[in-house]
Amino acid sequence: MRLGTVCFEGREHVVADLGEDRMLDLHLAAEHAGANEGYFLDMLSVIYGGDEALAVAQSLIDDASDRAILMREEVTFRPPILPVQYRDCLVFEEHLKNSFAAAEKMTGRAFEIPPVWYQQPVYYKGNRMSFVGHEEDVIWPSYAQFLDIELELAIIIGKKGKDISQAEAPAYIWGYSILNDVSARDAQMVEMGGQLGPAKGKDFDTGNVLGPWIVTADEVPHPAALEMEAHVNGDRWGGGNSSQMHHSFARIIEHISASETLYPGEVIGSGTVGTGCGLEIGKALSPGDRFELSIEKIGTLSNRIVKG
């Protein structure tokens, strides 16, 4: 099933996608059906509810009550979940090679993929409070001139765990969503010379976009092999398939959870798919641009970038 979070009449509601611009308010549907409404207070409540919460959600969808249906024009999308923790990886080799070639032209410095990249997943921890949802505006940071999109597949962790093996890891994936890690490339180029990782190149309000839906993990066999495409103002910039990840999400979970606990509601991004950003193809965003990032089975995440 595809689940999301929307704002309706001033309150956030967990909804299930019914198609044709219809969605089911799961909390209201549970109230009408005499089911456990507590499962649907927010997306984290659904996750903590485990298989029972999803079973109840499916039964509510199967018997969708007209009294609990919301129409697309009545709601505003929010991020389907505000991450408990947010990490972003870099596991697509094509993206890294293309980006290094572009960075060399911009800076005059040569870049090579370090051996560690092939040996283990690399990632950083981002700002979990900067997330916005589908159709919300991204605000251009005042210090940047070169803004870019990043088309990524994200997983949502479904249960607590530590020292998780690759064999066990897929069971910790609760769902998948679309992530747009909007990036200030000029700021990123400067700060990466400090060899600590991205900072203001990634960290600004509205700089992370998630949604519009989370598709539950039962819909996506592991390892995920989903088609991914990025469009800006209707023009296709690029894309690929999540099967091109050098490190699978199972390997990523194994690596991150080594001597560190993962918690339900954490969001982990794949990093940008090859040709999934403007840097790789010599393009940059302009104020007012609309970008649409699509991933098979999940849908399309659409936003506009504006100067405040």
Protein backbone atom coordinates (compact mmCIF):
# COMPACT_ATOMS: atom_id res chain seq x y z
CA MET A 1 0.00 0.00 0.00
CA ARG A 2 0.98 3.64 -0.42
CA LEU A 3 0.72 5.79 2.69
CA GLY A 4 1.20 9.52 3.14
CA THR A 5 0.65 12.47 5.43
CA VAL A 6 -1.53 15.40 4.42
CA CYS A 7 -2.84 18.55 6.06
CA PHE A 8 -6.64 18.86 6.06
CA GLU A 9 -8.56 21.56 7.93
CA GLY A 10 -5.47 22.56 9.87
CA ARG A 11 -4.52 19.06 11.08
CA GLU A 12 -2.18 16.38 9.76
CA HIS A 13 -3.77 13.08 8.74
CA VAL A 14 -2.27 9.72 7.79
CA VAL A 15 -3.85 8.65 4.51
CA ALA A 16 -3.77 5.71 2.14
CA ASP A 17 -3.72 6.31 -1.61
CA LEU A 18 -6.86 5.00 -3.28
CA GLY A 19 -5.99 6.28 -6.75
CA GLU A 20 -7.83 8.80 -8.94
CA ASP A 21 -6.96 11.64 -6.53
CA ARG A 22 -8.79 9.90 -3.69
CA MET A 23 -7.26 9.01 -0.35
CA LEU A 24 -8.54 7.40 2.82
CA ASP A 25 -8.16 9.17 6.16
CA LEU A 26 -7.07 6.13 8.16
CA HIS A 27 -7.72 7.61 11.61
CA LEU A 28 -11.26 8.63 10.68
CA ALA A 29 -11.87 5.33 8.88
CA ALA A 30 -10.71 3.42 11.99
CA GLU A 31 -13.05 5.50 14.16
CA HIS A 32 -16.02 4.69 11.94
CA ALA A 33 -15.08 0.98 11.82
CA GLY A 34 -14.47 0.64 15.55
CA ALA A 35 -10.81 -0.24 14.91
CA ASN A 36 -7.76 0.94 16.84
CA GLU A 37 -7.44 4.64 15.97
CA GLY A 38 -4.13 4.84 17.83
CA TYR A 39 -2.37 3.13 14.97
CA PHE A 40 -3.00 6.17 12.78
CA LEU A 41 -2.12 9.20 14.91
CA ASP A 42 0.90 9.78 12.66
CA MET A 43 3.19 7.72 10.44
CA LEU A 44 5.46 6.77 13.32
CA SER A 45 2.43 5.29 15.11
CA VAL A 46 1.75 3.14 12.04
CA ILE A 47 5.37 1.94 12.04
CA TYR A 48 5.30 1.10 15.73
CA GLY A 49 2.02 -0.71 15.18
CA GLY A 50 3.87 -3.28 13.08
CA ASP A 51 2.12 -5.91 10.99
CA GLU A 52 -1.13 -5.49 12.95
CA ALA A 53 -1.35 -1.79 12.03
CA LEU A 54 -0.78 -2.57 8.36
CA ALA A 55 -3.37 -5.34 8.48
CA VAL A 56 -5.92 -2.94 9.95
CA ALA A 57 -5.01 -0.33 7.33
CA GLN A 58 -5.52 -2.87 4.56
CA SER A 59 -8.93 -3.87 5.91
CA LEU A 60 -9.95 -0.20 6.07
CA ILE A 61 -8.80 0.30 2.48
CA ASP A 62 -10.72 -2.78 1.35
CA ASP A 63 -13.90 -1.44 2.92
CA ALA A 64 -13.22 2.27 2.32
CA SER A 65 -15.96 4.40 3.83
CA ASP A 66 -17.10 7.42 1.83
CA ARG A 67 -17.21 9.31 5.15
CA ALA A 68 -13.42 9.02 5.45
CA ILE A 69 -12.37 9.82 1.88
CA LEU A 70 -10.41 12.99 1.13
CA MET A 71 -9.92 14.42 -2.35
CA ARG A 72 -6.58 15.68 -3.61
CA GLU A 73 -7.83 19.26 -4.02
CA GLU A 74 -8.85 19.36 -0.34
CA VAL A 75 -5.42 18.63 1.13
CA THR A 76 -1.82 19.81 1.25
CA PHE A 77 0.90 17.18 1.27
CA ARG A 78 3.43 17.05 4.09
CA PRO A 79 6.48 14.78 4.28
CA PRO A 80 5.04 11.31 4.87
CA ILE A 81 7.24 11.11 7.97
CA LEU A 82 9.49 13.58 9.77
CA PRO A 83 12.61 11.43 10.13
CA VAL A 84 13.65 10.31 13.58
CA GLN A 85 17.18 10.40 12.14
CA TYR A 86 18.32 11.16 8.61
CA ARG A 87 21.34 9.73 6.82
CA ASP A 88 22.23 10.03 3.16
CA CYS A 89 24.57 7.72 1.29
CA LEU A 90 26.48 7.87 -1.99
CA VAL A 91 26.31 4.47 -3.68
CA PHE A 92 25.82 5.09 -7.42
CA GLU A 93 29.17 4.88 -9.22
CA GLU A 94 27.95 6.60 -12.39
CA HIS A 95 26.81 9.63 -10.39
CA LEU A 96 30.14 9.86 -8.59
CA LYS A 97 32.19 9.58 -11.80
CA ASN A 98 30.07 12.19 -13.58
CA SER A 99 30.16 14.55 -10.60
CA PHE A 100 33.93 14.27 -10.23
CA ALA A 101 34.37 15.07 -13.92
CA ALA A 102 32.14 18.14 -13.54
CA ALA A 103 33.90 19.25 -10.35
CA GLU A 104 37.27 18.99 -12.07
CA LYS A 105 36.07 21.40 -14.77
CA MET A 106 34.75 23.82 -12.15
CA THR A 107 37.75 23.79 -9.80
CA GLY A 108 40.70 22.70 -11.90
CA ARG A 109 41.42 19.92 -9.40
CA ALA A 110 41.47 16.24 -10.32
CA PHE A 111 39.18 13.89 -8.37
CA GLU A 112 39.40 10.11 -8.13
CA ILE A 113 37.06 7.66 -6.42
CA PRO A 114 38.87 6.51 -3.25
CA PRO A 115 39.19 2.75 -2.62
CA VAL A 116 37.10 3.02 0.57
CA TRP A 117 34.04 3.92 -1.54
CA TYR A 118 34.10 0.44 -3.08
CA GLN A 119 34.79 -1.26 0.24
CA GLN A 120 31.96 0.18 2.35
CA PRO A 121 28.98 2.54 2.07
CA VAL A 122 29.79 6.18 2.78
CA TYR A 123 27.18 8.52 4.25
CA TYR A 124 26.56 11.67 6.24
CA LYS A 125 23.94 12.70 8.77
CA GLY A 126 21.69 15.51 7.56
CA ASN A 127 19.19 17.93 9.03
CA ARG A 128 16.04 15.96 9.83
CA MET A 129 14.14 19.18 10.61
CA SER A 130 14.51 20.68 7.13
CA PHE A 131 12.10 18.34 5.32
CA VAL A 132 9.16 19.48 3.22
CA GLY A 133 6.66 17.48 1.21
CA HIS A 134 5.19 17.12 -2.26
CA GLU A 135 4.19 20.43 -3.90
CA GLU A 136 5.77 22.52 -1.12
CA ASP A 137 8.15 25.26 -2.25
CA VAL A 138 11.91 24.93 -1.78
CA ILE A 139 13.38 28.27 -0.71
CA TRP A 140 16.63 29.28 -2.41
CA PRO A 141 19.36 29.80 0.25
CA SER A 142 20.70 33.35 0.29
CA TYR A 143 24.37 32.37 0.12
CA ALA A 144 24.17 30.14 -2.99
CA GLN A 145 24.14 30.69 -6.74
CA PHE A 146 24.24 27.09 -8.06
CA LEU A 147 21.27 25.01 -6.91
CA ASP A 148 20.66 21.44 -7.99
CA ILE A 149 18.29 18.52 -7.53
CA GLU A 150 19.27 15.01 -6.46
CA LEU A 151 17.03 12.06 -7.36
CA GLU A 152 17.28 9.40 -4.66
CA LEU A 153 15.48 6.34 -3.33
CA ALA A 154 14.97 6.39 0.44
CA ILE A 155 14.15 3.66 2.92
CA ILE A 156 12.28 4.04 6.21
CA ILE A 157 13.48 1.83 9.06
CA GLY A 158 10.70 -0.22 10.66
CA LYS A 159 12.18 -1.67 13.83
CA LYS A 160 14.95 -1.17 16.35
CA GLY A 161 18.18 -3.05 15.78
CA LYS A 162 21.94 -3.09 16.24
CA ASP A 163 24.71 -5.11 14.57
CA ILE A 164 22.28 -6.20 11.87
CA SER A 165 23.60 -8.67 9.31
CA GLN A 166 22.98 -8.32 5.58
CA ALA A 167 20.74 -11.39 5.69
CA GLU A 168 18.60 -9.84 8.43
CA ALA A 169 18.62 -6.30 7.06
CA PRO A 170 15.72 -6.42 4.54
CA ALA A 171 13.31 -7.19 7.41
CA TYR A 172 14.23 -3.79 8.93
CA ILE A 173 13.00 -1.89 5.86
CA TRP A 174 9.45 -0.70 6.48
CA GLY A 175 8.97 1.23 3.28
CA TYR A 176 10.40 3.22 0.39
CA SER A 177 9.95 6.84 -0.64
CA ILE A 178 11.39 9.45 -3.03
CA LEU A 179 14.06 11.78 -1.67
CA ASN A 180 15.22 15.02 -3.27
CA ASP A 181 18.42 16.18 -1.56
CA VAL A 182 18.48 19.74 -2.95
CA SER A 183 22.09 20.91 -3.02
CA ALA A 184 23.94 24.23 -3.15
CA ARG A 185 26.80 23.14 -5.39
CA ASP A 186 28.94 26.27 -5.07
CA ALA A 187 28.89 26.08 -1.27
CA GLN A 188 29.50 22.33 -1.45
CA MET A 189 32.56 22.72 -3.69
CA VAL A 190 34.18 25.12 -1.21
CA GLU A 191 33.49 23.21 1.99
CA MET A 192 34.35 19.74 0.69
CA GLY A 193 37.97 20.86 0.54
CA GLY A 194 37.89 20.69 4.33
CA GLN A 195 37.46 16.91 4.07
CA LEU A 196 34.77 16.72 6.74
CA GLY A 197 31.65 16.33 4.62
CA PRO A 198 28.76 18.44 3.31
CA ALA A 199 27.50 21.27 5.53
CA LYS A 200 25.87 24.39 4.06
CA GLY A 201 25.90 22.72 0.66
CA LYS A 202 23.10 20.56 2.04
CA ASP A 203 21.86 22.20 5.25
CA PHE A 204 19.24 24.89 4.71
CA ASP A 205 15.52 25.11 5.46
CA THR A 206 13.35 23.21 2.93
CA GLY A 207 16.49 21.62 1.45
CA ASN A 208 15.25 18.04 1.87
CA VAL A 209 12.08 16.83 0.16
CA LEU A 210 10.38 13.48 0.83
CA GLY A 211 7.25 11.88 -0.55
CA PRO A 212 4.61 12.03 -1.73
CA TRP A 213 4.07 8.45 -0.56
CA ILE A 214 5.77 5.67 1.32
CA VAL A 215 5.21 2.37 -0.45
CA THR A 216 5.35 -0.45 2.08
CA ALA A 217 8.25 -2.88 1.76
CA ASP A 218 6.03 -5.84 0.85
CA GLU A 219 5.49 -4.14 -2.54
CA VAL A 220 9.22 -3.98 -3.36
CA PRO A 221 11.33 -7.16 -3.56
CA HIS A 222 14.84 -6.73 -2.15
CA PRO A 223 17.20 -5.61 -3.58
CA ALA A 224 15.04 -2.87 -5.04
CA ALA A 225 15.08 -2.55 -8.83
CA LEU A 226 12.95 0.51 -9.53
CA GLU A 227 13.05 2.86 -12.50
CA MET A 228 13.95 6.46 -11.57
CA GLU A 229 13.54 9.65 -13.65
CA ALA A 230 14.09 13.38 -13.12
CA HIS A 231 12.35 16.14 -15.06
CA VAL A 232 12.75 19.93 -14.74
CA ASN A 233 10.10 22.15 -16.32
CA GLY A 234 8.95 19.10 -18.27
CA ASP A 235 12.39 18.31 -19.73
CA ARG A 236 14.00 14.99 -18.83
CA TRP A 237 17.36 15.54 -17.15
CA GLY A 238 18.19 11.89 -16.52
CA GLY A 239 17.67 8.85 -14.36
CA GLY A 240 18.40 5.18 -14.01
CA ASN A 241 17.46 2.17 -11.93
CA SER A 242 17.99 1.54 -8.22
CA SER A 243 19.49 -1.84 -9.09
CA GLN A 244 22.62 0.12 -10.10
CA MET A 245 23.46 0.79 -6.43
CA HIS A 246 27.01 -0.43 -5.74
CA HIS A 247 26.05 -1.18 -2.12
CA SER A 248 22.54 -2.54 -1.49
CA PHE A 249 20.34 -1.24 1.29
CA ALA A 250 21.06 -4.48 3.16
CA ARG A 251 24.78 -3.70 3.07
CA ILE A 252 24.06 -0.09 4.07
CA ILE A 253 22.01 -1.19 7.07
CA GLU A 254 24.68 -3.69 8.10
CA HIS A 255 27.36 -1.00 7.97
CA ILE A 256 25.41 1.76 9.73
CA SER A 257 24.16 -0.53 12.50
CA ALA A 258 27.64 -1.77 13.47
CA SER A 259 27.81 -0.94 17.20
CA GLU A 260 25.04 1.66 16.64
CA THR A 261 21.30 1.26 17.18
CA LEU A 262 18.87 2.03 14.38
CA TYR A 263 15.39 3.15 15.41
CA PRO A 264 11.94 2.98 13.79
CA GLY A 265 11.30 6.05 11.67
CA GLU A 266 14.87 6.65 10.55
CA VAL A 267 15.26 7.65 6.89
CA ILE A 268 18.27 6.57 4.82
CA GLY A 269 18.83 7.89 1.29
CA SER A 270 20.59 6.00 -1.47
CA GLY A 271 22.43 8.99 -2.86
CA THR A 272 21.82 10.27 -6.37
CA VAL A 273 21.19 7.85 -9.21
CA GLY A 274 23.44 8.33 -12.24
CA THR A 275 22.39 11.45 -14.26
CA GLY A 276 19.87 12.20 -11.50
CA CYS A 277 21.17 15.75 -10.95
CA GLY A 278 22.12 18.78 -13.02
CA LEU A 279 25.81 18.81 -12.06
CA GLU A 280 26.38 15.62 -14.04
CA ILE A 281 24.90 17.00 -17.25
CA GLY A 282 25.99 20.65 -17.09
CA LYS A 283 22.69 22.11 -15.89
CA ALA A 284 21.59 24.16 -12.89
CA LEU A 285 18.29 25.30 -11.44
CA SER A 286 16.85 28.77 -11.91
CA PRO A 287 14.33 30.51 -9.61
CA GLY A 288 10.82 29.35 -10.40
CA ASP A 289 11.87 26.00 -11.84
CA ARG A 290 9.59 23.04 -11.19
CA PHE A 291 11.17 19.62 -10.76
CA GLU A 292 9.44 16.26 -10.87
CA LEU A 293 11.23 13.19 -9.52
CA SER A 294 9.57 9.87 -10.29
CA ILE A 295 10.26 6.38 -8.99
CA GLU A 296 8.41 3.28 -10.11
CA LYS A 297 5.67 2.13 -7.69
CA ILE A 298 6.06 5.22 -5.47
CA GLY A 299 4.90 8.03 -7.74
CA THR A 300 6.13 11.53 -8.53
CA LEU A 301 7.54 14.10 -6.11
CA SER A 302 6.99 17.58 -7.50
CA ASN A 303 8.24 20.91 -6.14
CA ARG A 304 9.17 24.43 -7.20
CA ILE A 305 12.21 26.42 -6.14
CA VAL A 306 11.72 30.10 -5.33
CA LYS A 307 13.85 32.97 -4.09
CA GLY A 308 12.51 34.35 -0.81
